[in-house]
Amino acid sequence: MKLTLLFFLFGLASFYQSKAQQSTHRLPLDENILIGKTQLNEGAKASLEVIDLTGDSVLGYLPLEAERNERTAILAPLPKQEWLQNIMSGSLTGGLVGRQLLYIVNDVSLGRHTNGNYARVKATIYESAPGANGYRLLKTVNDFSTDNSASINTVSSLVNNVLGNTLSFLIGVIANDASKVMTREEVLISEKTKYVFINGRSFASGIYLNYDEFKNRKPSFGQFFIKTDATSKQVQVFSFTGTDSTMRPVNPWAIASANEVYVFRGGKLYAVEAMGNNLVISKYLNPQRRMNNAMFWRNNVGNRFSLPEDSNPFDNSYVIKLENYHKKNITGEAVKINADTGELEL
């Protein structure tokens, strides 16, 4: 009976996944980007080369009508890396004359907050080492900016400002001579390896009590039990071992089962998955690309609920609201997990 139910649920999830199609919103190609495109010549690229390691063509997500679960994906007007390169090329100033930089983009996130738009960029910047065939680490950036615009199309200017600000910060900053010199290829390997616990897409089953355990791929407990309260719609996580069957309640950072990862917040489990160097809450991904369809959740949590909205792990009732985000008095939906800290991000 259980096996039949499992196949039914898997088939149902596959059916909806095959039928669903995420709508998209492509940003307009504004004049600043066109200027950057005309400046994209050998000289500009020698000064600054942008490499996108976000692993996704989507820049962010827009909510639709309040009663619907779907989100609209925000896309760049050009291929993502080309778009970012053009923005940066258009922002080049005299402060970069004679310098050669490698700008590794680990995360870009755009979207709507309470009264406008936001843009967030996380990157690592390397500078060519004088007299050496390679690059030294210059600095890391994690910049965030907002506006009060009623139109999502102004977000291009926000990205332009955020990226431009990271360049202005570089004036007067020099690479540490003691840092390791790496070739371009070694830089890329280093940046990917830094987040191999995510982009490797292999997650040991068990209870991760904190994010460091997840980063080290070493859960505190390999076995767990989920108790669901059908009234409060919340769950409890209990640990036990092969030598001690006593179930003890725990408050984990996340759990994993059969390569599905769920972060635990406020008594609920939220499906997440790897996307490049980032962890993204699965609800926001195009159903046709979603890898974590929450089969574990459906079999152990959702099947205890009678209402359709409670038994759908991607319903709006499972949206996480971030209040006073970054102490900027704005509210938005959590979409990602900060790959460095394990905290929820817009």
C-alpha atoms as a PDB file:
ATOM      1  CA  MET A   1       0.000   0.000   0.000  1.00  0.00           C
ATOM      2  CA  LYS A   2       2.797   2.406   0.938  1.00  0.00           C
ATOM      3  CA  LEU A   3       4.648   1.618  -2.283  1.00  0.00           C
ATOM      4  CA  THR A   4       1.499   2.293  -4.323  1.00  0.00           C
ATOM      5  CA  LEU A   5       0.979   5.620  -2.533  1.00  0.00           C
ATOM      6  CA  LEU A   6       4.601   6.561  -3.164  1.00  0.00           C
ATOM      7  CA  PHE A   7       4.292   5.920  -6.894  1.00  0.00           C
ATOM      8  CA  PHE A   8       1.005   7.837  -6.970  1.00  0.00           C
ATOM      9  CA  LEU A   9       2.514  10.888  -5.265  1.00  0.00           C
ATOM     10  CA  PHE A  10       5.593  10.763  -7.468  1.00  0.00           C
ATOM     11  CA  GLY A  11       3.393  10.529 -10.561  1.00  0.00           C
ATOM     12  CA  LEU A  12       1.232  13.408  -9.349  1.00  0.00           C
ATOM     13  CA  ALA A  13       4.257  15.602  -8.721  1.00  0.00           C
ATOM     14  CA  SER A  14       5.698  14.703 -12.124  1.00  0.00           C
ATOM     15  CA  PHE A  15       2.367  15.490 -13.797  1.00  0.00           C
ATOM     16  CA  TYR A  16       2.118  18.971 -12.306  1.00  0.00           C
ATOM     17  CA  GLN A  17       5.797  19.559 -12.974  1.00  0.00           C
ATOM     18  CA  SER A  18       5.378  18.679 -16.651  1.00  0.00           C
ATOM     19  CA  LYS A  19       2.285  20.907 -17.000  1.00  0.00           C
ATOM     20  CA  ALA A  20       3.633  23.914 -15.070  1.00  0.00           C
ATOM     21  CA  GLN A  21       5.501  26.655 -16.870  1.00  0.00           C
ATOM     22  CA  GLN A  22       6.961  29.613 -15.053  1.00  0.00           C
ATOM     23  CA  SER A  23       6.164  33.008 -16.581  1.00  0.00           C
ATOM     24  CA  THR A  24       9.036  35.414 -17.213  1.00  0.00           C
ATOM     25  CA  HIS A  25       9.669  39.157 -17.171  1.00  0.00           C
ATOM     26  CA  ARG A  26      12.608  40.312 -19.287  1.00  0.00           C
ATOM     27  CA  LEU A  27      14.159  43.589 -18.191  1.00  0.00           C
ATOM     28  CA  PRO A  28      14.441  46.315 -20.849  1.00  0.00           C
ATOM     29  CA  LEU A  29      17.862  46.990 -22.347  1.00  0.00           C
ATOM     30  CA  ASP A  30      18.482  50.475 -21.030  1.00  0.00           C
ATOM     31  CA  GLU A  31      20.913  53.068 -22.364  1.00  0.00           C
ATOM     32  CA  ASN A  32      23.546  52.413 -19.709  1.00  0.00           C
ATOM     33  CA  ILE A  33      23.793  48.782 -20.780  1.00  0.00           C
ATOM     34  CA  LEU A  34      24.052  49.802 -24.437  1.00  0.00           C
ATOM     35  CA  ILE A  35      26.891  52.158 -23.506  1.00  0.00           C
ATOM     36  CA  GLY A  36      28.610  49.302 -21.729  1.00  0.00           C
ATOM     37  CA  LYS A  37      28.132  47.115 -24.790  1.00  0.00           C
ATOM     38  CA  THR A  38      29.813  49.652 -27.072  1.00  0.00           C
ATOM     39  CA  GLN A  39      32.696  49.892 -24.601  1.00  0.00           C
ATOM     40  CA  LEU A  40      33.112  46.127 -24.472  1.00  0.00           C
ATOM     41  CA  ASN A  41      36.390  46.013 -26.389  1.00  0.00           C
ATOM     42  CA  GLU A  42      39.679  44.252 -25.829  1.00  0.00           C
ATOM     43  CA  GLY A  43      40.973  47.095 -23.675  1.00  0.00           C
ATOM     44  CA  ALA A  44      37.942  47.067 -21.381  1.00  0.00           C
ATOM     45  CA  LYS A  45      37.956  43.291 -21.035  1.00  0.00           C
ATOM     46  CA  ALA A  46      41.681  43.373 -20.258  1.00  0.00           C
ATOM     47  CA  SER A  47      40.865  45.746 -17.399  1.00  0.00           C
ATOM     48  CA  LEU A  48      37.981  43.743 -15.971  1.00  0.00           C
ATOM     49  CA  GLU A  49      36.562  40.348 -16.896  1.00  0.00           C
ATOM     50  CA  VAL A  50      33.261  39.202 -15.341  1.00  0.00           C
ATOM     51  CA  ILE A  51      32.653  35.499 -14.677  1.00  0.00           C
ATOM     52  CA  ASP A  52      29.169  34.384 -13.606  1.00  0.00           C
ATOM     53  CA  LEU A  53      29.112  31.407 -11.213  1.00  0.00           C
ATOM     54  CA  THR A  54      25.537  31.855 -10.003  1.00  0.00           C
ATOM     55  CA  GLY A  55      24.449  28.803 -11.981  1.00  0.00           C
ATOM     56  CA  ASP A  56      21.142  30.290 -13.095  1.00  0.00           C
ATOM     57  CA  SER A  57      19.893  32.621 -15.806  1.00  0.00           C
ATOM     58  CA  VAL A  58      17.197  33.988 -13.466  1.00  0.00           C
ATOM     59  CA  LEU A  59      17.937  37.259 -11.669  1.00  0.00           C
ATOM     60  CA  GLY A  60      15.026  37.181  -9.228  1.00  0.00           C
ATOM     61  CA  TYR A  61      11.303  36.633  -8.803  1.00  0.00           C
ATOM     62  CA  LEU A  62       8.097  38.678  -8.831  1.00  0.00           C
ATOM     63  CA  PRO A  63       4.867  37.737  -7.036  1.00  0.00           C
ATOM     64  CA  LEU A  64       1.676  37.461  -9.054  1.00  0.00           C
ATOM     65  CA  GLU A  65      -1.817  37.911  -7.653  1.00  0.00           C
ATOM     66  CA  ALA A  66      -1.897  37.360  -3.907  1.00  0.00           C
ATOM     67  CA  GLU A  67      -3.963  34.184  -4.142  1.00  0.00           C
ATOM     68  CA  ARG A  68      -1.663  32.389  -6.596  1.00  0.00           C
ATOM     69  CA  ASN A  69       1.412  30.335  -5.756  1.00  0.00           C
ATOM     70  CA  GLU A  70       3.411  30.990  -8.913  1.00  0.00           C
ATOM     71  CA  ARG A  71       6.190  33.545  -9.278  1.00  0.00           C
ATOM     72  CA  THR A  72       7.433  35.359 -12.386  1.00  0.00           C
ATOM     73  CA  ALA A  73      11.132  34.916 -13.117  1.00  0.00           C
ATOM     74  CA  ILE A  74      13.104  38.103 -13.856  1.00  0.00           C
ATOM     75  CA  LEU A  75      15.496  37.677 -16.803  1.00  0.00           C
ATOM     76  CA  ALA A  76      18.248  39.920 -18.144  1.00  0.00           C
ATOM     77  CA  PRO A  77      17.769  41.509 -21.587  1.00  0.00           C
ATOM     78  CA  LEU A  78      20.976  39.765 -22.731  1.00  0.00           C
ATOM     79  CA  PRO A  79      22.646  36.513 -21.676  1.00  0.00           C
ATOM     80  CA  LYS A  80      23.326  37.036 -17.977  1.00  0.00           C
ATOM     81  CA  GLN A  81      27.141  37.081 -18.030  1.00  0.00           C
ATOM     82  CA  GLU A  82      27.191  39.353 -21.086  1.00  0.00           C
ATOM     83  CA  TRP A  83      24.710  41.701 -19.400  1.00  0.00           C
ATOM     84  CA  LEU A  84      26.820  41.906 -16.250  1.00  0.00           C
ATOM     85  CA  GLN A  85      30.003  42.397 -18.290  1.00  0.00           C
ATOM     86  CA  ASN A  86      28.406  45.261 -20.229  1.00  0.00           C
ATOM     87  CA  ILE A  87      27.279  46.963 -17.018  1.00  0.00           C
ATOM     88  CA  MET A  88      30.770  46.720 -15.562  1.00  0.00           C
ATOM     89  CA  SER A  89      32.442  47.861 -18.782  1.00  0.00           C
ATOM     90  CA  GLY A  90      30.202  50.925 -18.812  1.00  0.00           C
ATOM     91  CA  SER A  91      31.250  51.679 -15.217  1.00  0.00           C
ATOM     92  CA  LEU A  92      35.000  51.591 -15.819  1.00  0.00           C
ATOM     93  CA  THR A  93      36.773  54.685 -14.555  1.00  0.00           C
ATOM     94  CA  GLY A  94      40.262  56.115 -14.610  1.00  0.00           C
ATOM     95  CA  GLY A  95      40.854  54.418 -11.281  1.00  0.00           C
ATOM     96  CA  LEU A  96      41.316  51.112 -13.113  1.00  0.00           C
ATOM     97  CA  VAL A  97      43.865  52.308 -15.674  1.00  0.00           C
ATOM     98  CA  GLY A  98      46.716  49.813 -15.824  1.00  0.00           C
ATOM     99  CA  ARG A  99      44.907  47.279 -13.639  1.00  0.00           C
ATOM    100  CA  GLN A 100      43.561  43.880 -14.656  1.00  0.00           C
ATOM    101  CA  LEU A 101      40.732  42.471 -12.580  1.00  0.00           C
ATOM    102  CA  LEU A 102      38.809  39.188 -12.528  1.00  0.00           C
ATOM    103  CA  TYR A 103      35.303  39.744 -11.114  1.00  0.00           C
ATOM    104  CA  ILE A 104      33.702  36.474  -9.957  1.00  0.00           C
ATOM    105  CA  VAL A 105      29.935  36.849  -9.435  1.00  0.00           C
ATOM    106  CA  ASN A 106      28.685  34.295  -6.913  1.00  0.00           C
ATOM    107  CA  ASP A 107      25.177  35.642  -6.475  1.00  0.00           C
ATOM    108  CA  VAL A 108      22.828  38.210  -8.001  1.00  0.00           C
ATOM    109  CA  SER A 109      19.352  38.652  -6.528  1.00  0.00           C
ATOM    110  CA  LEU A 110      16.706  41.111  -7.722  1.00  0.00           C
ATOM    111  CA  GLY A 111      13.086  41.560  -6.721  1.00  0.00           C
ATOM    112  CA  ARG A 112      10.365  43.543  -5.012  1.00  0.00           C
ATOM    113  CA  HIS A 113      10.266  44.657  -1.386  1.00  0.00           C
ATOM    114  CA  THR A 114       7.517  46.435   0.540  1.00  0.00           C
ATOM    115  CA  ASN A 115       7.615  49.709  -1.407  1.00  0.00           C
ATOM    116  CA  GLY A 116       9.986  49.175  -4.319  1.00  0.00           C
ATOM    117  CA  ASN A 117      12.823  47.067  -5.707  1.00  0.00           C
ATOM    118  CA  TYR A 118      16.048  45.623  -4.360  1.00  0.00           C
ATOM    119  CA  ALA A 119      19.304  44.402  -5.881  1.00  0.00           C
ATOM    120  CA  ARG A 120      21.984  42.326  -4.170  1.00  0.00           C
ATOM    121  CA  VAL A 121      25.357  41.295  -5.588  1.00  0.00           C
ATOM    122  CA  LYS A 122      27.928  39.009  -3.972  1.00  0.00           C
ATOM    123  CA  ALA A 123      31.281  38.711  -5.704  1.00  0.00           C
ATOM    124  CA  THR A 124      34.957  37.947  -5.231  1.00  0.00           C
ATOM    125  CA  ILE A 125      37.480  40.189  -6.992  1.00  0.00           C
ATOM    126  CA  TYR A 126      41.007  39.234  -8.018  1.00  0.00           C
ATOM    127  CA  GLU A 127      43.739  41.436  -9.464  1.00  0.00           C
ATOM    128  CA  SER A 128      46.564  40.356 -11.734  1.00  0.00           C
ATOM    129  CA  ALA A 129      49.793  40.158  -9.807  1.00  0.00           C
ATOM    130  CA  PRO A 130      52.458  42.513 -11.244  1.00  0.00           C
ATOM    131  CA  GLY A 131      55.302  40.544 -12.720  1.00  0.00           C
ATOM    132  CA  ALA A 132      53.479  37.246 -12.181  1.00  0.00           C
ATOM    133  CA  ASN A 133      51.397  35.122 -14.508  1.00  0.00           C
ATOM    134  CA  GLY A 134      48.308  35.074 -12.322  1.00  0.00           C
ATOM    135  CA  TYR A 135      45.906  36.750  -9.918  1.00  0.00           C
ATOM    136  CA  ARG A 136      45.847  37.592  -6.221  1.00  0.00           C
ATOM    137  CA  LEU A 137      42.708  37.955  -4.104  1.00  0.00           C
ATOM    138  CA  LEU A 138      41.759  41.631  -3.895  1.00  0.00           C
ATOM    139  CA  LYS A 139      38.532  41.643  -1.880  1.00  0.00           C
ATOM    140  CA  THR A 140      35.041  40.220  -1.519  1.00  0.00           C
ATOM    141  CA  VAL A 141      31.890  42.319  -1.851  1.00  0.00           C
ATOM    142  CA  ASN A 142      28.300  41.775  -0.748  1.00  0.00           C
ATOM    143  CA  ASP A 143      26.393  44.936  -1.654  1.00  0.00           C
ATOM    144  CA  PHE A 144      22.677  45.597  -1.312  1.00  0.00           C
ATOM    145  CA  SER A 145      20.575  48.514  -2.524  1.00  0.00           C
ATOM    146  CA  THR A 146      16.886  49.477  -2.738  1.00  0.00           C
ATOM    147  CA  ASP A 147      14.611  52.037  -4.343  1.00  0.00           C
ATOM    148  CA  ASN A 148      10.991  53.124  -3.912  1.00  0.00           C
ATOM    149  CA  SER A 149       9.960  52.649  -7.534  1.00  0.00           C
ATOM    150  CA  ALA A 150       6.584  51.241  -8.513  1.00  0.00           C
ATOM    151  CA  SER A 151       8.141  49.648 -11.625  1.00  0.00           C
ATOM    152  CA  ILE A 152      10.368  46.582 -11.629  1.00  0.00           C
ATOM    153  CA  ASN A 153      12.073  47.910 -14.770  1.00  0.00           C
ATOM    154  CA  THR A 154      14.075  50.410 -12.682  1.00  0.00           C
ATOM    155  CA  VAL A 155      15.936  47.490 -11.123  1.00  0.00           C
ATOM    156  CA  SER A 156      18.488  47.658 -13.981  1.00  0.00           C
ATOM    157  CA  SER A 157      19.646  51.014 -12.620  1.00  0.00           C
ATOM    158  CA  LEU A 158      19.893  49.490  -9.147  1.00  0.00           C
ATOM    159  CA  VAL A 159      22.171  46.724 -10.436  1.00  0.00           C
ATOM    160  CA  ASN A 160      24.209  49.314 -12.297  1.00  0.00           C
ATOM    161  CA  ASN A 161      24.646  51.300  -9.083  1.00  0.00           C
ATOM    162  CA  VAL A 162      25.515  48.281  -6.956  1.00  0.00           C
ATOM    163  CA  LEU A 163      28.132  46.999  -9.399  1.00  0.00           C
ATOM    164  CA  GLY A 164      29.490  50.493  -9.962  1.00  0.00           C
ATOM    165  CA  ASN A 165      29.875  50.955  -6.218  1.00  0.00           C
ATOM    166  CA  THR A 166      31.996  47.826  -5.981  1.00  0.00           C
ATOM    167  CA  LEU A 167      34.327  49.337  -8.564  1.00  0.00           C
ATOM    168  CA  SER A 168      34.569  52.648  -6.720  1.00  0.00           C
ATOM    169  CA  PHE A 169      35.599  50.743  -3.598  1.00  0.00           C
ATOM    170  CA  LEU A 170      38.579  49.340  -5.493  1.00  0.00           C
ATOM    171  CA  ILE A 171      40.283  52.705  -5.951  1.00  0.00           C
ATOM    172  CA  GLY A 172      43.257  52.755  -3.624  1.00  0.00           C
ATOM    173  CA  VAL A 173      42.845  49.053  -2.730  1.00  0.00           C
ATOM    174  CA  ILE A 174      45.713  46.779  -3.695  1.00  0.00           C
ATOM    175  CA  ALA A 175      46.099  43.030  -3.505  1.00  0.00           C
ATOM    176  CA  ASN A 176      47.997  41.566  -0.575  1.00  0.00           C
ATOM    177  CA  ASP A 177      51.458  40.545  -1.789  1.00  0.00           C
ATOM    178  CA  ALA A 178      51.365  37.637   0.640  1.00  0.00           C
ATOM    179  CA  SER A 179      48.255  36.116  -0.901  1.00  0.00           C
ATOM    180  CA  LYS A 180      48.550  33.151  -3.243  1.00  0.00           C
ATOM    181  CA  VAL A 181      49.094  33.826  -6.948  1.00  0.00           C
ATOM    182  CA  MET A 182      46.726  31.796  -9.152  1.00  0.00           C
ATOM    183  CA  THR A 183      46.095  31.473 -12.851  1.00  0.00           C
ATOM    184  CA  ARG A 184      42.660  32.318 -14.200  1.00  0.00           C
ATOM    185  CA  GLU A 185      41.773  28.626 -14.316  1.00  0.00           C
ATOM    186  CA  GLU A 186      42.973  28.117 -10.721  1.00  0.00           C
ATOM    187  CA  VAL A 187      40.826  31.055  -9.572  1.00  0.00           C
ATOM    188  CA  LEU A 188      37.731  29.473 -11.124  1.00  0.00           C
ATOM    189  CA  ILE A 189      38.507  26.089  -9.567  1.00  0.00           C
ATOM    190  CA  SER A 190      39.083  27.741  -6.189  1.00  0.00           C
ATOM    191  CA  GLU A 191      35.790  29.651  -6.341  1.00  0.00           C
ATOM    192  CA  LYS A 192      33.824  26.548  -7.300  1.00  0.00           C
ATOM    193  CA  THR A 193      35.584  24.388  -4.710  1.00  0.00           C
ATOM    194  CA  LYS A 194      34.769  26.920  -1.987  1.00  0.00           C
ATOM    195  CA  TYR A 195      31.105  26.002  -2.399  1.00  0.00           C
ATOM    196  CA  VAL A 196      31.486  22.371  -3.393  1.00  0.00           C
ATOM    197  CA  PHE A 197      29.268  21.432  -0.436  1.00  0.00           C
ATOM    198  CA  ILE A 198      26.491  23.114  -2.469  1.00  0.00           C
ATOM    199  CA  ASN A 199      27.380  22.740  -6.136  1.00  0.00           C
ATOM    200  CA  GLY A 200      28.487  19.125  -5.603  1.00  0.00           C
ATOM    201  CA  ARG A 201      24.758  18.369  -5.120  1.00  0.00           C
ATOM    202  CA  SER A 202      25.465  15.490  -2.720  1.00  0.00           C
ATOM    203  CA  PHE A 203      23.866  15.835   0.712  1.00  0.00           C
ATOM    204  CA  ALA A 204      24.296  13.185   3.396  1.00  0.00           C
ATOM    205  CA  SER A 205      21.007  12.198   5.023  1.00  0.00           C
ATOM    206  CA  GLY A 206      20.542  13.242   8.615  1.00  0.00           C
ATOM    207  CA  ILE A 207      20.154  16.175  11.009  1.00  0.00           C
ATOM    208  CA  TYR A 208      22.365  19.245  10.598  1.00  0.00           C
ATOM    209  CA  LEU A 209      22.218  21.129  13.878  1.00  0.00           C
ATOM    210  CA  ASN A 210      24.003  24.153  12.399  1.00  0.00           C
ATOM    211  CA  TYR A 211      25.280  25.458   9.093  1.00  0.00           C
ATOM    212  CA  ASP A 212      28.895  24.519   9.774  1.00  0.00           C
ATOM    213  CA  GLU A 213      27.843  20.873   9.888  1.00  0.00           C
ATOM    214  CA  PHE A 214      26.160  21.301   6.524  1.00  0.00           C
ATOM    215  CA  LYS A 215      29.241  22.992   5.048  1.00  0.00           C
ATOM    216  CA  ASN A 216      31.409  20.143   6.318  1.00  0.00           C
ATOM    217  CA  ARG A 217      28.845  17.579   5.112  1.00  0.00           C
ATOM    218  CA  LYS A 218      28.756  15.963   8.563  1.00  0.00           C
ATOM    219  CA  PRO A 219      25.276  15.749  10.127  1.00  0.00           C
ATOM    220  CA  SER A 220      25.158  15.281  13.898  1.00  0.00           C
ATOM    221  CA  PHE A 221      22.660  12.437  13.533  1.00  0.00           C
ATOM    222  CA  GLY A 222      22.159  10.098  10.608  1.00  0.00           C
ATOM    223  CA  GLN A 223      18.627   9.129  11.631  1.00  0.00           C
ATOM    224  CA  PHE A 224      15.581  11.153  12.574  1.00  0.00           C
ATOM    225  CA  PHE A 225      11.839  11.016  13.075  1.00  0.00           C
ATOM    226  CA  ILE A 226       9.316  13.697  12.069  1.00  0.00           C
ATOM    227  CA  LYS A 227       6.232  14.334  14.204  1.00  0.00           C
ATOM    228  CA  THR A 228       3.499  16.398  12.541  1.00  0.00           C
ATOM    229  CA  ASP A 229       0.780  18.398  14.303  1.00  0.00           C
ATOM    230  CA  ALA A 230      -2.186  18.575  11.934  1.00  0.00           C
ATOM    231  CA  THR A 231      -3.778  21.414  13.939  1.00  0.00           C
ATOM    232  CA  SER A 232      -0.830  23.824  14.164  1.00  0.00           C
ATOM    233  CA  LYS A 233       0.612  22.681  10.798  1.00  0.00           C
ATOM    234  CA  GLN A 234       4.014  22.426  12.467  1.00  0.00           C
ATOM    235  CA  VAL A 235       6.537  19.633  12.806  1.00  0.00           C
ATOM    236  CA  GLN A 236       9.004  18.443  15.392  1.00  0.00           C
ATOM    237  CA  VAL A 237      12.288  16.761  14.567  1.00  0.00           C
ATOM    238  CA  PHE A 238      13.557  13.950  16.798  1.00  0.00           C
ATOM    239  CA  SER A 239      16.972  12.307  16.711  1.00  0.00           C
ATOM    240  CA  PHE A 240      17.865   8.718  17.525  1.00  0.00           C
ATOM    241  CA  THR A 241      20.758   6.373  16.816  1.00  0.00           C
ATOM    242  CA  GLY A 242      21.266   2.733  15.975  1.00  0.00           C
ATOM    243  CA  THR A 243      22.499   2.054  19.503  1.00  0.00           C
ATOM    244  CA  ASP A 244      20.027   4.322  21.321  1.00  0.00           C
ATOM    245  CA  SER A 245      16.434   4.301  20.073  1.00  0.00           C
ATOM    246  CA  THR A 246      15.395   7.048  22.487  1.00  0.00           C
ATOM    247  CA  MET A 247      13.899   9.874  20.432  1.00  0.00           C
ATOM    248  CA  ARG A 248      15.085  13.303  21.529  1.00  0.00           C
ATOM    249  CA  PRO A 249      13.691  16.594  20.168  1.00  0.00           C
ATOM    250  CA  VAL A 250      16.195  18.793  18.344  1.00  0.00           C
ATOM    251  CA  ASN A 251      16.100  22.241  16.756  1.00  0.00           C
ATOM    252  CA  PRO A 252      18.118  21.696  13.559  1.00  0.00           C
ATOM    253  CA  TRP A 253      19.369  24.111  10.925  1.00  0.00           C
ATOM    254  CA  ALA A 254      18.239  21.577   8.312  1.00  0.00           C
ATOM    255  CA  ILE A 255      17.595  17.932   7.609  1.00  0.00           C
ATOM    256  CA  ALA A 256      18.348  15.880   4.503  1.00  0.00           C
ATOM    257  CA  SER A 257      16.817  12.688   3.193  1.00  0.00           C
ATOM    258  CA  ALA A 258      17.582  10.885  -0.073  1.00  0.00           C
ATOM    259  CA  ASN A 259      19.458  13.983  -1.296  1.00  0.00           C
ATOM    260  CA  GLU A 260      16.531  16.324  -0.530  1.00  0.00           C
ATOM    261  CA  VAL A 261      17.427  19.199   1.788  1.00  0.00           C
ATOM    262  CA  TYR A 262      14.953  21.047   4.027  1.00  0.00           C
ATOM    263  CA  VAL A 263      15.786  24.066   6.152  1.00  0.00           C
ATOM    264  CA  PHE A 264      13.902  24.156   9.445  1.00  0.00           C
ATOM    265  CA  ARG A 265      12.349  27.483  10.479  1.00  0.00           C
ATOM    266  CA  GLY A 266       9.497  28.221  12.859  1.00  0.00           C
ATOM    267  CA  GLY A 267       8.419  24.608  13.135  1.00  0.00           C
ATOM    268  CA  LYS A 268       8.261  24.085   9.374  1.00  0.00           C
ATOM    269  CA  LEU A 269      10.433  22.384   6.760  1.00  0.00           C
ATOM    270  CA  TYR A 270      11.188  24.239   3.530  1.00  0.00           C
ATOM    271  CA  ALA A 271      12.594  22.426   0.497  1.00  0.00           C
ATOM    272  CA  VAL A 272      15.810  23.956  -0.874  1.00  0.00           C
ATOM    273  CA  GLU A 273      18.261  22.929  -3.583  1.00  0.00           C
ATOM    274  CA  ALA A 274      21.573  23.752  -5.171  1.00  0.00           C
ATOM    275  CA  MET A 275      21.771  26.305  -7.966  1.00  0.00           C
ATOM    276  CA  GLY A 276      25.374  27.066  -8.893  1.00  0.00           C
ATOM    277  CA  ASN A 277      27.105  28.407  -5.775  1.00  0.00           C
ATOM    278  CA  ASN A 278      23.787  29.054  -4.026  1.00  0.00           C
ATOM    279  CA  LEU A 279      21.003  27.336  -2.148  1.00  0.00           C
ATOM    280  CA  VAL A 280      17.587  28.408  -3.443  1.00  0.00           C
ATOM    281  CA  ILE A 281      14.207  27.750  -1.850  1.00  0.00           C
ATOM    282  CA  SER A 282      12.665  25.275  -4.281  1.00  0.00           C
ATOM    283  CA  LYS A 283       9.272  27.006  -4.360  1.00  0.00           C
ATOM    284  CA  TYR A 284      10.681  29.785  -6.539  1.00  0.00           C
ATOM    285  CA  LEU A 285      12.245  27.642  -9.230  1.00  0.00           C
ATOM    286  CA  ASN A 286      10.605  26.803 -12.526  1.00  0.00           C
ATOM    287  CA  PRO A 287       8.743  23.518 -11.802  1.00  0.00           C
ATOM    288  CA  GLN A 288      10.277  22.071 -14.958  1.00  0.00           C
ATOM    289  CA  ARG A 289      13.764  22.643 -13.505  1.00  0.00           C
ATOM    290  CA  ARG A 290      12.994  21.932  -9.863  1.00  0.00           C
ATOM    291  CA  MET A 291      15.044  19.032  -8.513  1.00  0.00           C
ATOM    292  CA  ASN A 292      13.597  18.934  -4.994  1.00  0.00           C
ATOM    293  CA  ASN A 293       9.895  18.227  -5.452  1.00  0.00           C
ATOM    294  CA  ALA A 294       9.595  17.567  -1.705  1.00  0.00           C
ATOM    295  CA  MET A 295       8.730  13.874  -1.950  1.00  0.00           C
ATOM    296  CA  PHE A 296       9.977  13.283   1.605  1.00  0.00           C
ATOM    297  CA  TRP A 297       7.841  16.188   2.835  1.00  0.00           C
ATOM    298  CA  ARG A 298       4.742  14.972   0.994  1.00  0.00           C
ATOM    299  CA  ASN A 299       5.101  11.464   2.447  1.00  0.00           C
ATOM    300  CA  ASN A 300       5.883  12.482   6.019  1.00  0.00           C
ATOM    301  CA  VAL A 301       4.241  15.885   6.536  1.00  0.00           C
ATOM    302  CA  GLY A 302       1.839  16.930   3.777  1.00  0.00           C
ATOM    303  CA  ASN A 303      -0.114  13.679   3.779  1.00  0.00           C
ATOM    304  CA  ARG A 304      -1.252  14.478   7.349  1.00  0.00           C
ATOM    305  CA  PHE A 305      -3.142  17.592   6.199  1.00  0.00           C
ATOM    306  CA  SER A 306      -6.633  17.583   4.690  1.00  0.00           C
ATOM    307  CA  LEU A 307      -6.662  21.021   3.000  1.00  0.00           C
ATOM    308  CA  PRO A 308      -4.946  21.280  -0.422  1.00  0.00           C
ATOM    309  CA  GLU A 309      -3.052  24.448   0.537  1.00  0.00           C
ATOM    310  CA  ASP A 310      -1.608  22.735   3.613  1.00  0.00           C
ATOM    311  CA  SER A 311      -0.527  19.623   1.716  1.00  0.00           C
ATOM    312  CA  ASN A 312       1.238  21.593  -1.037  1.00  0.00           C
ATOM    313  CA  PRO A 313       4.842  22.383   0.025  1.00  0.00           C
ATOM    314  CA  PHE A 314       4.976  25.221  -2.540  1.00  0.00           C
ATOM    315  CA  ASP A 315       1.787  26.977  -1.454  1.00  0.00           C
ATOM    316  CA  ASN A 316       1.939  30.649  -0.445  1.00  0.00           C
ATOM    317  CA  SER A 317       1.203  29.568   3.126  1.00  0.00           C
ATOM    318  CA  TYR A 318       4.819  28.372   3.238  1.00  0.00           C
ATOM    319  CA  VAL A 319       6.376  31.675   2.151  1.00  0.00           C
ATOM    320  CA  ILE A 320       8.956  33.051   4.601  1.00  0.00           C
ATOM    321  CA  LYS A 321       8.664  36.804   5.161  1.00  0.00           C
ATOM    322  CA  LEU A 322      11.837  38.658   6.147  1.00  0.00           C
ATOM    323  CA  GLU A 323      10.956  41.728   8.229  1.00  0.00           C
ATOM    324  CA  ASN A 324      13.270  44.753   8.556  1.00  0.00           C
ATOM    325  CA  TYR A 325      15.743  43.029   6.234  1.00  0.00           C
ATOM    326  CA  HIS A 326      19.322  44.284   6.722  1.00  0.00           C
ATOM    327  CA  LYS A 327      17.823  46.833   9.152  1.00  0.00           C
ATOM    328  CA  LYS A 328      16.495  48.808   6.180  1.00  0.00           C
ATOM    329  CA  ASN A 329      12.856  48.714   7.314  1.00  0.00           C
ATOM    330  CA  ILE A 330      11.799  46.669   4.292  1.00  0.00           C
ATOM    331  CA  THR A 331       9.978  43.360   4.001  1.00  0.00           C
ATOM    332  CA  GLY A 332      10.378  40.744   1.305  1.00  0.00           C
ATOM    333  CA  GLU A 333      10.191  37.016   0.615  1.00  0.00           C
ATOM    334  CA  ALA A 334      13.154  34.844   1.489  1.00  0.00           C
ATOM    335  CA  VAL A 335      14.344  33.221  -1.741  1.00  0.00           C
ATOM    336  CA  LYS A 336      17.847  31.953  -0.981  1.00  0.00           C
ATOM    337  CA  ILE A 337      20.191  30.835   1.753  1.00  0.00           C
ATOM    338  CA  ASN A 338      23.375  32.856   2.215  1.00  0.00           C
ATOM    339  CA  ALA A 339      26.051  30.393   1.108  1.00  0.00           C
ATOM    340  CA  ASP A 340      28.552  31.779   3.646  1.00  0.00           C
ATOM    341  CA  THR A 341      26.384  32.164   6.756  1.00  0.00           C
ATOM    342  CA  GLY A 342      23.367  29.902   6.247  1.00  0.00           C
ATOM    343  CA  GLU A 343      20.992  32.806   6.909  1.00  0.00           C
ATOM    344  CA  LEU A 344      17.876  33.459   4.841  1.00  0.00           C
ATOM    345  CA  GLU A 345      18.244  36.069   2.057  1.00  0.00           C
ATOM    346  CA  LEU A 346      16.000  37.967  -0.326  1.00  0.00           C
END
